[in-house]
Amino acid sequence: MTSRASVAGDERLRLFLALVLPGGTLDVLTAWQAEHLRGGRIVPRENLHVTLAFLGSRPAGELPAVVAVLRRAAAATGPVALEVERYRETRAVGMLALRDLTGEATRLAERVGESLEQLGALRRERRPWLPHVTVLRHRSPPRLAPSLPEVGRVAPSEAAAFLSRLHPTGARYEVLESCVLGG
């Protein structure tokens, strides 16, 4: 587990937990975004990730318990293997939906969600977790149909607790704590 950013006191934190994408995957995705995505704001390289759980605004005092949940769940996770399945747009974002080849990413998201719900830090959605990478933000869907990026198997080896700070130019993410998958 590594700590990268710091927080203090009674501050409220906009938190999420996510899989960290490997550098090679990020290289392919950023080149693909520049070539294929139009009609919105491209998500910058440093913000590309696979969200496990979005907690929203939480008291800073909850951070140690949230990180402990992530640490335990990540330690119990086997090798994660994902691949790009399709490009999909919602009313606000364009994303690359991923196929969970081993089922480990889904099991990790379920363990994290269940434990955070028991802590009272999260209310899980009823719909199943969809592994994805948000690659574009837009005000109205540009209705793109790009070819898919050729990233092959994506094998994240770490997960992290992120702080999201909102800015007029878009959110900025900071890693608060990270841990290796599989202990």
N, C-alpha and C. Protein backbone atom coordinates (compact mmCIF):
# COMPACT_ATOMS: atom_id res chain seq x y z
N MET A 1 0.86 -1.18 0.00
CA MET A 1 0.00 0.00 0.00
C MET A 1 0.90 1.22 0.00
N THR A 2 0.62 2.16 -0.88
CA THR A 2 1.37 3.40 -0.90
C THR A 2 0.41 4.56 -0.75
N SER A 3 0.88 5.62 -0.12
CA SER A 3 0.10 6.83 0.08
C SER A 3 0.72 7.92 -0.77
N ARG A 4 -0.10 8.66 -1.52
CA ARG A 4 0.46 9.67 -2.42
C ARG A 4 -0.02 11.08 -2.13
N ALA A 5 -1.26 11.24 -1.72
CA ALA A 5 -1.80 12.57 -1.42
C ALA A 5 -2.19 12.59 0.05
N SER A 6 -2.41 13.77 0.59
CA SER A 6 -2.80 13.85 1.99
C SER A 6 -4.08 14.66 2.14
N VAL A 7 -4.81 14.37 3.21
CA VAL A 7 -6.03 15.08 3.55
C VAL A 7 -6.00 15.35 5.04
N ALA A 8 -6.84 16.27 5.48
CA ALA A 8 -6.79 16.62 6.90
C ALA A 8 -8.17 16.90 7.48
N GLY A 9 -8.25 16.71 8.78
CA GLY A 9 -9.36 17.16 9.60
C GLY A 9 -10.73 16.67 9.21
N ASP A 10 -11.72 17.58 9.35
CA ASP A 10 -13.12 17.27 9.11
C ASP A 10 -13.52 17.50 7.66
N GLU A 11 -12.55 17.67 6.83
CA GLU A 11 -12.79 17.90 5.41
C GLU A 11 -13.67 16.79 4.83
N ARG A 12 -14.47 17.15 3.82
CA ARG A 12 -15.24 16.13 3.08
C ARG A 12 -14.47 15.84 1.81
N LEU A 13 -14.45 14.56 1.47
CA LEU A 13 -13.69 14.11 0.32
C LEU A 13 -14.63 13.48 -0.71
N ARG A 14 -14.42 13.79 -1.96
CA ARG A 14 -15.16 13.14 -3.05
C ARG A 14 -14.30 11.95 -3.47
N LEU A 15 -14.74 10.74 -3.08
CA LEU A 15 -13.92 9.55 -3.20
C LEU A 15 -14.46 8.53 -4.20
N PHE A 16 -13.53 7.80 -4.79
CA PHE A 16 -13.89 6.59 -5.53
C PHE A 16 -12.73 5.62 -5.45
N LEU A 17 -13.05 4.35 -5.65
CA LEU A 17 -12.05 3.28 -5.68
C LEU A 17 -12.01 2.74 -7.10
N ALA A 18 -10.79 2.44 -7.59
CA ALA A 18 -10.68 2.04 -8.99
C ALA A 18 -9.47 1.16 -9.24
N LEU A 19 -9.55 0.43 -10.34
CA LEU A 19 -8.39 -0.29 -10.85
C LEU A 19 -7.52 0.70 -11.62
N VAL A 20 -6.23 0.63 -11.39
CA VAL A 20 -5.27 1.48 -12.08
C VAL A 20 -4.83 0.77 -13.36
N LEU A 21 -4.92 1.46 -14.48
CA LEU A 21 -4.57 0.86 -15.76
C LEU A 21 -3.05 0.89 -15.99
N PRO A 22 -2.51 -0.17 -16.59
CA PRO A 22 -1.07 -0.22 -16.89
C PRO A 22 -0.67 0.88 -17.89
N GLY A 23 0.58 1.31 -17.80
CA GLY A 23 1.10 2.38 -18.66
C GLY A 23 0.94 2.11 -20.14
N GLY A 24 1.21 0.88 -20.58
CA GLY A 24 1.06 0.54 -21.99
C GLY A 24 -0.37 0.69 -22.47
N THR A 25 -1.32 0.30 -21.63
CA THR A 25 -2.74 0.46 -21.95
C THR A 25 -3.08 1.93 -22.08
N LEU A 26 -2.57 2.74 -21.17
CA LEU A 26 -2.83 4.18 -21.22
C LEU A 26 -2.25 4.79 -22.49
N ASP A 27 -1.07 4.33 -22.92
CA ASP A 27 -0.47 4.84 -24.16
C ASP A 27 -1.39 4.58 -25.35
N VAL A 28 -1.90 3.35 -25.46
CA VAL A 28 -2.78 2.98 -26.58
C VAL A 28 -4.08 3.78 -26.51
N LEU A 29 -4.66 3.89 -25.31
CA LEU A 29 -5.94 4.59 -25.18
C LEU A 29 -5.83 6.07 -25.52
N THR A 30 -4.77 6.73 -25.08
CA THR A 30 -4.65 8.17 -25.37
C THR A 30 -4.43 8.41 -26.86
N ALA A 31 -3.66 7.57 -27.53
CA ALA A 31 -3.47 7.70 -28.98
C ALA A 31 -4.80 7.46 -29.69
N TRP A 32 -5.54 6.44 -29.26
CA TRP A 32 -6.85 6.13 -29.85
C TRP A 32 -7.82 7.28 -29.64
N GLN A 33 -7.87 7.86 -28.44
CA GLN A 33 -8.77 8.98 -28.17
C GLN A 33 -8.50 10.13 -29.14
N ALA A 34 -7.23 10.48 -29.30
CA ALA A 34 -6.86 11.60 -30.16
C ALA A 34 -7.29 11.37 -31.61
N GLU A 35 -7.26 10.12 -32.04
CA GLU A 35 -7.58 9.80 -33.42
C GLU A 35 -9.08 9.62 -33.67
N HIS A 36 -9.82 9.09 -32.69
CA HIS A 36 -11.19 8.65 -32.94
C HIS A 36 -12.30 9.44 -32.24
N LEU A 37 -11.99 10.23 -31.23
CA LEU A 37 -13.06 10.85 -30.45
C LEU A 37 -13.20 12.33 -30.76
N ARG A 38 -14.43 12.73 -31.05
CA ARG A 38 -14.79 14.13 -31.32
C ARG A 38 -16.13 14.41 -30.65
N GLY A 39 -16.45 15.70 -30.50
CA GLY A 39 -17.77 16.06 -30.02
C GLY A 39 -17.90 16.10 -28.52
N GLY A 40 -16.79 16.29 -27.83
CA GLY A 40 -16.84 16.36 -26.37
C GLY A 40 -15.45 16.65 -25.82
N ARG A 41 -15.29 16.40 -24.54
CA ARG A 41 -14.02 16.64 -23.87
C ARG A 41 -13.36 15.28 -23.59
N ILE A 42 -12.21 15.06 -24.17
CA ILE A 42 -11.48 13.81 -23.97
C ILE A 42 -11.02 13.74 -22.52
N VAL A 43 -11.22 12.58 -21.92
CA VAL A 43 -10.74 12.35 -20.55
C VAL A 43 -9.23 12.22 -20.61
N PRO A 44 -8.51 13.03 -19.82
CA PRO A 44 -7.05 12.98 -19.88
C PRO A 44 -6.48 11.66 -19.37
N ARG A 45 -5.30 11.34 -19.85
CA ARG A 45 -4.61 10.10 -19.51
C ARG A 45 -4.61 9.83 -18.01
N GLU A 46 -4.30 10.84 -17.21
CA GLU A 46 -4.18 10.66 -15.76
C GLU A 46 -5.52 10.36 -15.09
N ASN A 47 -6.63 10.51 -15.81
CA ASN A 47 -7.95 10.24 -15.26
C ASN A 47 -8.56 8.93 -15.77
N LEU A 48 -7.85 8.21 -16.60
CA LEU A 48 -8.38 6.95 -17.13
C LEU A 48 -8.20 5.85 -16.10
N HIS A 49 -9.27 5.11 -15.80
CA HIS A 49 -9.27 4.07 -14.78
C HIS A 49 -10.53 3.22 -14.94
N VAL A 50 -10.65 2.17 -14.15
CA VAL A 50 -11.86 1.35 -14.11
C VAL A 50 -12.44 1.49 -12.71
N THR A 51 -13.53 2.21 -12.57
CA THR A 51 -14.13 2.46 -11.26
C THR A 51 -14.70 1.17 -10.66
N LEU A 52 -14.34 0.93 -9.42
CA LEU A 52 -14.90 -0.19 -8.66
C LEU A 52 -16.10 0.28 -7.85
N ALA A 53 -15.99 1.47 -7.25
CA ALA A 53 -17.08 2.04 -6.44
C ALA A 53 -16.90 3.55 -6.35
N PHE A 54 -17.97 4.30 -6.59
CA PHE A 54 -17.96 5.75 -6.40
C PHE A 54 -18.68 6.05 -5.10
N LEU A 55 -17.96 6.62 -4.15
CA LEU A 55 -18.54 6.90 -2.84
C LEU A 55 -19.14 8.29 -2.74
N GLY A 56 -18.68 9.22 -3.56
CA GLY A 56 -19.15 10.59 -3.48
C GLY A 56 -18.53 11.31 -2.30
N SER A 57 -19.21 12.30 -1.79
CA SER A 57 -18.70 13.12 -0.70
C SER A 57 -18.78 12.38 0.63
N ARG A 58 -17.62 12.15 1.25
CA ARG A 58 -17.52 11.41 2.51
C ARG A 58 -16.63 12.18 3.47
N PRO A 59 -16.86 12.03 4.78
CA PRO A 59 -15.99 12.68 5.76
C PRO A 59 -14.57 12.09 5.66
N ALA A 60 -13.56 12.94 5.77
CA ALA A 60 -12.17 12.49 5.69
C ALA A 60 -11.87 11.42 6.74
N GLY A 61 -12.55 11.47 7.87
CA GLY A 61 -12.33 10.49 8.92
C GLY A 61 -12.69 9.06 8.52
N GLU A 62 -13.48 8.89 7.46
CA GLU A 62 -13.82 7.55 6.98
C GLU A 62 -12.75 6.94 6.09
N LEU A 63 -11.81 7.76 5.65
CA LEU A 63 -10.82 7.29 4.70
C LEU A 63 -10.05 6.05 5.18
N PRO A 64 -9.58 5.98 6.42
CA PRO A 64 -8.85 4.76 6.84
C PRO A 64 -9.69 3.49 6.71
N ALA A 65 -10.97 3.56 7.06
CA ALA A 65 -11.83 2.38 6.95
C ALA A 65 -12.08 2.02 5.48
N VAL A 66 -12.24 3.01 4.63
CA VAL A 66 -12.45 2.77 3.21
C VAL A 66 -11.21 2.13 2.60
N VAL A 67 -10.05 2.64 2.95
CA VAL A 67 -8.79 2.09 2.44
C VAL A 67 -8.59 0.66 2.95
N ALA A 68 -8.97 0.40 4.19
CA ALA A 68 -8.86 -0.96 4.73
C ALA A 68 -9.73 -1.93 3.94
N VAL A 69 -10.92 -1.49 3.55
CA VAL A 69 -11.80 -2.31 2.72
C VAL A 69 -11.10 -2.63 1.40
N LEU A 70 -10.55 -1.62 0.77
CA LEU A 70 -9.87 -1.81 -0.51
C LEU A 70 -8.68 -2.76 -0.34
N ARG A 71 -7.91 -2.56 0.69
CA ARG A 71 -6.72 -3.39 0.94
C ARG A 71 -7.10 -4.86 1.09
N ARG A 72 -8.12 -5.14 1.92
CA ARG A 72 -8.56 -6.53 2.13
C ARG A 72 -9.10 -7.15 0.85
N ALA A 73 -9.93 -6.40 0.15
CA ALA A 73 -10.53 -6.92 -1.08
C ALA A 73 -9.46 -7.15 -2.16
N ALA A 74 -8.53 -6.23 -2.29
CA ALA A 74 -7.47 -6.37 -3.29
C ALA A 74 -6.57 -7.56 -2.98
N ALA A 75 -6.28 -7.79 -1.71
CA ALA A 75 -5.43 -8.92 -1.31
C ALA A 75 -6.06 -10.25 -1.68
N ALA A 76 -7.37 -10.32 -1.71
CA ALA A 76 -8.08 -11.56 -2.01
C ALA A 76 -8.37 -11.73 -3.51
N THR A 77 -7.80 -10.86 -4.32
CA THR A 77 -8.09 -10.87 -5.75
C THR A 77 -7.02 -11.62 -6.54
N GLY A 78 -7.48 -12.50 -7.41
CA GLY A 78 -6.58 -13.20 -8.32
C GLY A 78 -6.26 -12.31 -9.52
N PRO A 79 -5.55 -12.85 -10.50
CA PRO A 79 -5.19 -12.05 -11.67
C PRO A 79 -6.42 -11.52 -12.41
N VAL A 80 -6.38 -10.24 -12.69
CA VAL A 80 -7.45 -9.57 -13.42
C VAL A 80 -7.06 -9.51 -14.89
N ALA A 81 -7.98 -9.84 -15.75
CA ALA A 81 -7.77 -9.74 -17.20
C ALA A 81 -9.04 -9.17 -17.82
N LEU A 82 -8.88 -8.04 -18.48
CA LEU A 82 -10.01 -7.36 -19.12
C LEU A 82 -9.68 -7.17 -20.60
N GLU A 83 -10.73 -7.05 -21.40
CA GLU A 83 -10.52 -6.68 -22.81
C GLU A 83 -11.66 -5.77 -23.24
N VAL A 84 -11.36 -4.91 -24.20
CA VAL A 84 -12.36 -3.98 -24.71
C VAL A 84 -13.41 -4.77 -25.48
N GLU A 85 -14.67 -4.54 -25.12
CA GLU A 85 -15.79 -5.23 -25.76
C GLU A 85 -16.52 -4.34 -26.77
N ARG A 86 -16.75 -3.07 -26.38
CA ARG A 86 -17.48 -2.16 -27.26
C ARG A 86 -17.35 -0.73 -26.77
N TYR A 87 -17.65 0.21 -27.67
CA TYR A 87 -17.77 1.62 -27.31
C TYR A 87 -19.24 1.89 -27.05
N ARG A 88 -19.51 2.65 -26.00
CA ARG A 88 -20.89 2.93 -25.61
C ARG A 88 -21.01 4.38 -25.18
N GLU A 89 -22.14 5.02 -25.49
CA GLU A 89 -22.39 6.39 -25.04
C GLU A 89 -23.61 6.43 -24.14
N THR A 90 -23.53 7.27 -23.11
CA THR A 90 -24.68 7.58 -22.28
C THR A 90 -24.99 9.05 -22.52
N ARG A 91 -25.89 9.60 -21.74
CA ARG A 91 -26.23 11.01 -21.95
C ARG A 91 -25.08 11.96 -21.63
N ALA A 92 -24.08 11.50 -20.85
CA ALA A 92 -23.00 12.40 -20.43
C ALA A 92 -21.60 11.94 -20.80
N VAL A 93 -21.43 10.65 -21.12
CA VAL A 93 -20.07 10.14 -21.36
C VAL A 93 -20.03 9.14 -22.50
N GLY A 94 -18.83 9.00 -23.06
CA GLY A 94 -18.49 7.91 -23.97
C GLY A 94 -17.55 7.00 -23.21
N MET A 95 -17.75 5.69 -23.35
CA MET A 95 -16.94 4.75 -22.57
C MET A 95 -16.57 3.54 -23.40
N LEU A 96 -15.53 2.87 -22.95
CA LEU A 96 -15.17 1.58 -23.48
C LEU A 96 -15.63 0.55 -22.47
N ALA A 97 -16.65 -0.21 -22.83
CA ALA A 97 -17.13 -1.29 -21.96
C ALA A 97 -16.14 -2.44 -22.08
N LEU A 98 -15.84 -3.06 -20.95
CA LEU A 98 -14.83 -4.11 -20.89
C LEU A 98 -15.46 -5.46 -20.56
N ARG A 99 -14.86 -6.51 -21.05
CA ARG A 99 -15.24 -7.87 -20.70
C ARG A 99 -14.26 -8.33 -19.62
N ASP A 100 -14.80 -8.87 -18.54
CA ASP A 100 -13.99 -9.38 -17.42
C ASP A 100 -13.70 -10.85 -17.72
N LEU A 101 -12.53 -11.14 -18.23
CA LEU A 101 -12.20 -12.47 -18.71
C LEU A 101 -12.05 -13.51 -17.60
N THR A 102 -11.59 -13.09 -16.42
CA THR A 102 -11.39 -14.04 -15.31
C THR A 102 -12.49 -13.96 -14.27
N GLY A 103 -13.29 -12.91 -14.32
CA GLY A 103 -14.31 -12.70 -13.29
C GLY A 103 -13.76 -12.07 -12.03
N GLU A 104 -12.45 -11.91 -11.95
CA GLU A 104 -11.82 -11.37 -10.74
C GLU A 104 -12.14 -9.89 -10.51
N ALA A 105 -12.21 -9.10 -11.57
CA ALA A 105 -12.55 -7.68 -11.40
C ALA A 105 -13.97 -7.54 -10.85
N THR A 106 -14.88 -8.35 -11.37
CA THR A 106 -16.27 -8.32 -10.89
C THR A 106 -16.34 -8.75 -9.43
N ARG A 107 -15.62 -9.82 -9.08
CA ARG A 107 -15.62 -10.26 -7.68
C ARG A 107 -15.01 -9.19 -6.77
N LEU A 108 -13.98 -8.51 -7.23
CA LEU A 108 -13.38 -7.42 -6.45
C LEU A 108 -14.39 -6.30 -6.24
N ALA A 109 -15.06 -5.88 -7.31
CA ALA A 109 -16.07 -4.81 -7.20
C ALA A 109 -17.19 -5.22 -6.24
N GLU A 110 -17.60 -6.48 -6.30
CA GLU A 110 -18.65 -6.96 -5.40
C GLU A 110 -18.18 -6.96 -3.95
N ARG A 111 -16.96 -7.43 -3.68
CA ARG A 111 -16.43 -7.44 -2.31
C ARG A 111 -16.32 -6.02 -1.77
N VAL A 112 -15.80 -5.11 -2.60
CA VAL A 112 -15.66 -3.72 -2.19
C VAL A 112 -17.03 -3.11 -1.91
N GLY A 113 -17.98 -3.30 -2.82
CA GLY A 113 -19.31 -2.74 -2.65
C GLY A 113 -20.02 -3.25 -1.42
N GLU A 114 -19.96 -4.55 -1.21
CA GLU A 114 -20.61 -5.16 -0.04
C GLU A 114 -20.00 -4.63 1.26
N SER A 115 -18.68 -4.57 1.33
CA SER A 115 -18.02 -4.10 2.55
C SER A 115 -18.28 -2.62 2.81
N LEU A 116 -18.27 -1.81 1.75
CA LEU A 116 -18.53 -0.38 1.92
C LEU A 116 -19.98 -0.14 2.34
N GLU A 117 -20.88 -0.96 1.81
CA GLU A 117 -22.29 -0.84 2.21
C GLU A 117 -22.45 -1.19 3.69
N GLN A 118 -21.75 -2.21 4.16
CA GLN A 118 -21.81 -2.58 5.58
C GLN A 118 -21.26 -1.46 6.46
N LEU A 119 -20.28 -0.71 5.95
CA LEU A 119 -19.73 0.44 6.70
C LEU A 119 -20.68 1.64 6.69
N GLY A 120 -21.63 1.63 5.77
CA GLY A 120 -22.51 2.78 5.61
C GLY A 120 -21.89 3.86 4.73
N ALA A 121 -20.83 3.51 3.98
CA ALA A 121 -20.13 4.47 3.14
C ALA A 121 -20.61 4.44 1.69
N LEU A 122 -21.48 3.49 1.36
CA LEU A 122 -21.92 3.32 -0.02
C LEU A 122 -23.30 2.69 -0.05
N ARG A 123 -24.10 3.14 -0.97
CA ARG A 123 -25.37 2.47 -1.28
C ARG A 123 -25.24 1.96 -2.70
N ARG A 124 -25.15 0.64 -2.82
CA ARG A 124 -24.91 0.05 -4.13
C ARG A 124 -26.09 0.22 -5.07
N GLU A 125 -25.76 0.29 -6.35
CA GLU A 125 -26.79 0.35 -7.38
C GLU A 125 -27.39 -1.03 -7.57
N ARG A 126 -28.61 -1.08 -8.05
CA ARG A 126 -29.27 -2.37 -8.29
C ARG A 126 -28.74 -3.06 -9.54
N ARG A 127 -28.34 -2.25 -10.52
CA ARG A 127 -27.84 -2.85 -11.76
C ARG A 127 -26.46 -3.45 -11.54
N PRO A 128 -26.12 -4.45 -12.32
CA PRO A 128 -24.81 -5.09 -12.15
C PRO A 128 -23.67 -4.12 -12.50
N TRP A 129 -22.55 -4.35 -11.87
CA TRP A 129 -21.35 -3.55 -12.12
C TRP A 129 -20.91 -3.75 -13.57
N LEU A 130 -20.59 -2.68 -14.25
CA LEU A 130 -20.11 -2.73 -15.63
C LEU A 130 -18.68 -2.22 -15.67
N PRO A 131 -17.71 -3.10 -15.89
CA PRO A 131 -16.35 -2.61 -16.01
C PRO A 131 -16.22 -1.76 -17.27
N HIS A 132 -15.69 -0.56 -17.11
CA HIS A 132 -15.55 0.35 -18.25
C HIS A 132 -14.51 1.42 -17.95
N VAL A 133 -14.07 2.05 -19.02
CA VAL A 133 -13.18 3.20 -18.93
C VAL A 133 -13.90 4.36 -19.60
N THR A 134 -14.15 5.42 -18.85
CA THR A 134 -14.75 6.62 -19.44
C THR A 134 -13.66 7.34 -20.22
N VAL A 135 -13.92 7.57 -21.52
CA VAL A 135 -12.91 8.15 -22.40
C VAL A 135 -13.30 9.52 -22.95
N LEU A 136 -14.60 9.88 -22.81
CA LEU A 136 -15.10 11.13 -23.37
C LEU A 136 -16.25 11.64 -22.51
N ARG A 137 -16.28 12.94 -22.29
CA ARG A 137 -17.41 13.58 -21.60
C ARG A 137 -18.05 14.54 -22.60
N HIS A 138 -19.39 14.62 -22.58
CA HIS A 138 -20.07 15.47 -23.56
C HIS A 138 -21.38 15.99 -22.98
N ARG A 139 -21.89 17.05 -23.59
CA ARG A 139 -23.18 17.61 -23.18
C ARG A 139 -24.34 16.88 -23.84
N SER A 140 -24.11 16.41 -25.04
CA SER A 140 -25.10 15.55 -25.72
C SER A 140 -24.30 14.51 -26.51
N PRO A 141 -24.81 13.30 -26.56
CA PRO A 141 -24.06 12.23 -27.21
C PRO A 141 -23.70 12.56 -28.66
N PRO A 142 -22.42 12.46 -29.01
CA PRO A 142 -22.03 12.74 -30.40
C PRO A 142 -22.35 11.60 -31.37
N ARG A 143 -22.83 10.47 -30.82
CA ARG A 143 -23.22 9.31 -31.62
C ARG A 143 -22.06 8.79 -32.47
N LEU A 144 -20.96 8.56 -31.80
CA LEU A 144 -19.77 8.04 -32.47
C LEU A 144 -19.86 6.52 -32.60
N ALA A 145 -19.17 5.99 -33.58
CA ALA A 145 -19.07 4.54 -33.77
C ALA A 145 -17.62 4.22 -34.14
N PRO A 146 -16.69 4.54 -33.23
CA PRO A 146 -15.27 4.36 -33.58
C PRO A 146 -14.86 2.89 -33.58
N SER A 147 -13.80 2.62 -34.35
CA SER A 147 -13.20 1.30 -34.23
C SER A 147 -12.65 1.20 -32.81
N LEU A 148 -12.51 0.00 -32.31
CA LEU A 148 -12.04 -0.17 -30.93
C LEU A 148 -10.52 -0.11 -30.85
N PRO A 149 -10.00 0.40 -29.73
CA PRO A 149 -8.55 0.44 -29.58
C PRO A 149 -7.99 -0.98 -29.44
N GLU A 150 -6.83 -1.19 -29.99
CA GLU A 150 -6.21 -2.51 -29.93
C GLU A 150 -5.28 -2.59 -28.72
N VAL A 151 -5.89 -2.81 -27.56
CA VAL A 151 -5.10 -2.87 -26.32
C VAL A 151 -4.81 -4.30 -25.89
N GLY A 152 -5.48 -5.27 -26.52
CA GLY A 152 -5.29 -6.66 -26.11
C GLY A 152 -5.83 -6.88 -24.71
N ARG A 153 -5.22 -7.82 -23.99
CA ARG A 153 -5.63 -8.09 -22.61
C ARG A 153 -5.08 -6.99 -21.71
N VAL A 154 -5.95 -6.44 -20.90
CA VAL A 154 -5.55 -5.42 -19.93
C VAL A 154 -5.47 -6.11 -18.58
N ALA A 155 -4.31 -6.02 -17.93
CA ALA A 155 -4.09 -6.72 -16.67
C ALA A 155 -3.67 -5.75 -15.58
N PRO A 156 -4.63 -5.02 -14.99
CA PRO A 156 -4.28 -4.13 -13.88
C PRO A 156 -3.66 -4.93 -12.74
N SER A 157 -2.65 -4.36 -12.10
CA SER A 157 -2.01 -5.03 -10.98
C SER A 157 -2.20 -4.29 -9.67
N GLU A 158 -2.88 -3.14 -9.74
CA GLU A 158 -3.14 -2.41 -8.51
C GLU A 158 -4.50 -1.72 -8.55
N ALA A 159 -4.98 -1.42 -7.35
CA ALA A 159 -6.21 -0.67 -7.17
C ALA A 159 -5.87 0.52 -6.28
N ALA A 160 -6.71 1.55 -6.32
CA ALA A 160 -6.40 2.75 -5.55
C ALA A 160 -7.67 3.44 -5.07
N ALA A 161 -7.50 4.19 -3.97
CA ALA A 161 -8.53 5.12 -3.49
C ALA A 161 -8.15 6.48 -4.07
N PHE A 162 -9.09 7.08 -4.78
CA PHE A 162 -8.85 8.35 -5.45
C PHE A 162 -9.66 9.47 -4.81
N LEU A 163 -9.08 10.65 -4.80
CA LEU A 163 -9.76 11.88 -4.43
C LEU A 163 -10.09 12.59 -5.73
N SER A 164 -11.33 13.00 -5.90
CA SER A 164 -11.76 13.73 -7.09
C SER A 164 -12.03 15.18 -6.69
N ARG A 165 -11.31 16.09 -7.30
CA ARG A 165 -11.52 17.52 -7.05
C ARG A 165 -12.13 18.12 -8.31
N LEU A 166 -13.29 18.76 -8.15
CA LEU A 166 -13.98 19.34 -9.29
C LEU A 166 -13.40 20.71 -9.62
N HIS A 167 -13.18 20.96 -10.92
CA HIS A 167 -12.66 22.22 -11.43
C HIS A 167 -13.45 22.60 -12.67
N PRO A 168 -13.46 23.87 -13.04
CA PRO A 168 -14.20 24.28 -14.24
C PRO A 168 -13.76 23.54 -15.51
N THR A 169 -12.50 23.14 -15.57
CA THR A 169 -12.00 22.44 -16.75
C THR A 169 -12.19 20.93 -16.66
N GLY A 170 -12.78 20.45 -15.58
CA GLY A 170 -13.01 19.02 -15.40
C GLY A 170 -12.41 18.53 -14.10
N ALA A 171 -12.79 17.35 -13.70
CA ALA A 171 -12.31 16.78 -12.44
C ALA A 171 -10.83 16.46 -12.53
N ARG A 172 -10.17 16.58 -11.38
CA ARG A 172 -8.77 16.19 -11.25
C ARG A 172 -8.71 15.11 -10.18
N TYR A 173 -8.03 14.03 -10.50
CA TYR A 173 -7.97 12.89 -9.59
C TYR A 173 -6.59 12.78 -8.97
N GLU A 174 -6.58 12.46 -7.68
CA GLU A 174 -5.34 12.24 -6.95
C GLU A 174 -5.43 10.88 -6.25
N VAL A 175 -4.38 10.10 -6.35
CA VAL A 175 -4.33 8.83 -5.64
C VAL A 175 -4.04 9.12 -4.18
N LEU A 176 -4.93 8.64 -3.29
CA LEU A 176 -4.71 8.79 -1.86
C LEU A 176 -3.94 7.59 -1.30
N GLU A 177 -4.34 6.41 -1.74
CA GLU A 177 -3.69 5.15 -1.32
C GLU A 177 -3.81 4.17 -2.48
N SER A 178 -2.80 3.35 -2.66
CA SER A 178 -2.90 2.29 -3.66
C SER A 178 -2.38 0.99 -3.07
N CYS A 179 -2.82 -0.10 -3.64
CA CYS A 179 -2.37 -1.42 -3.16
C CYS A 179 -2.31 -2.39 -4.33
N VAL A 180 -1.45 -3.37 -4.18
CA VAL A 180 -1.25 -4.38 -5.20
C VAL A 180 -2.37 -5.41 -5.12
N LEU A 181 -2.85 -5.85 -6.26
CA LEU A 181 -3.85 -6.90 -6.29
C LEU A 181 -3.17 -8.23 -5.94
N GLY A 182 -3.87 -9.03 -5.19
CA GLY A 182 -3.33 -10.33 -4.80
C GLY A 182 -2.38 -10.25 -3.63
N GLY A 183 -2.40 -9.13 -2.90
CA GLY A 183 -1.61 -9.02 -1.68
C GLY A 183 -0.24 -8.46 -1.91
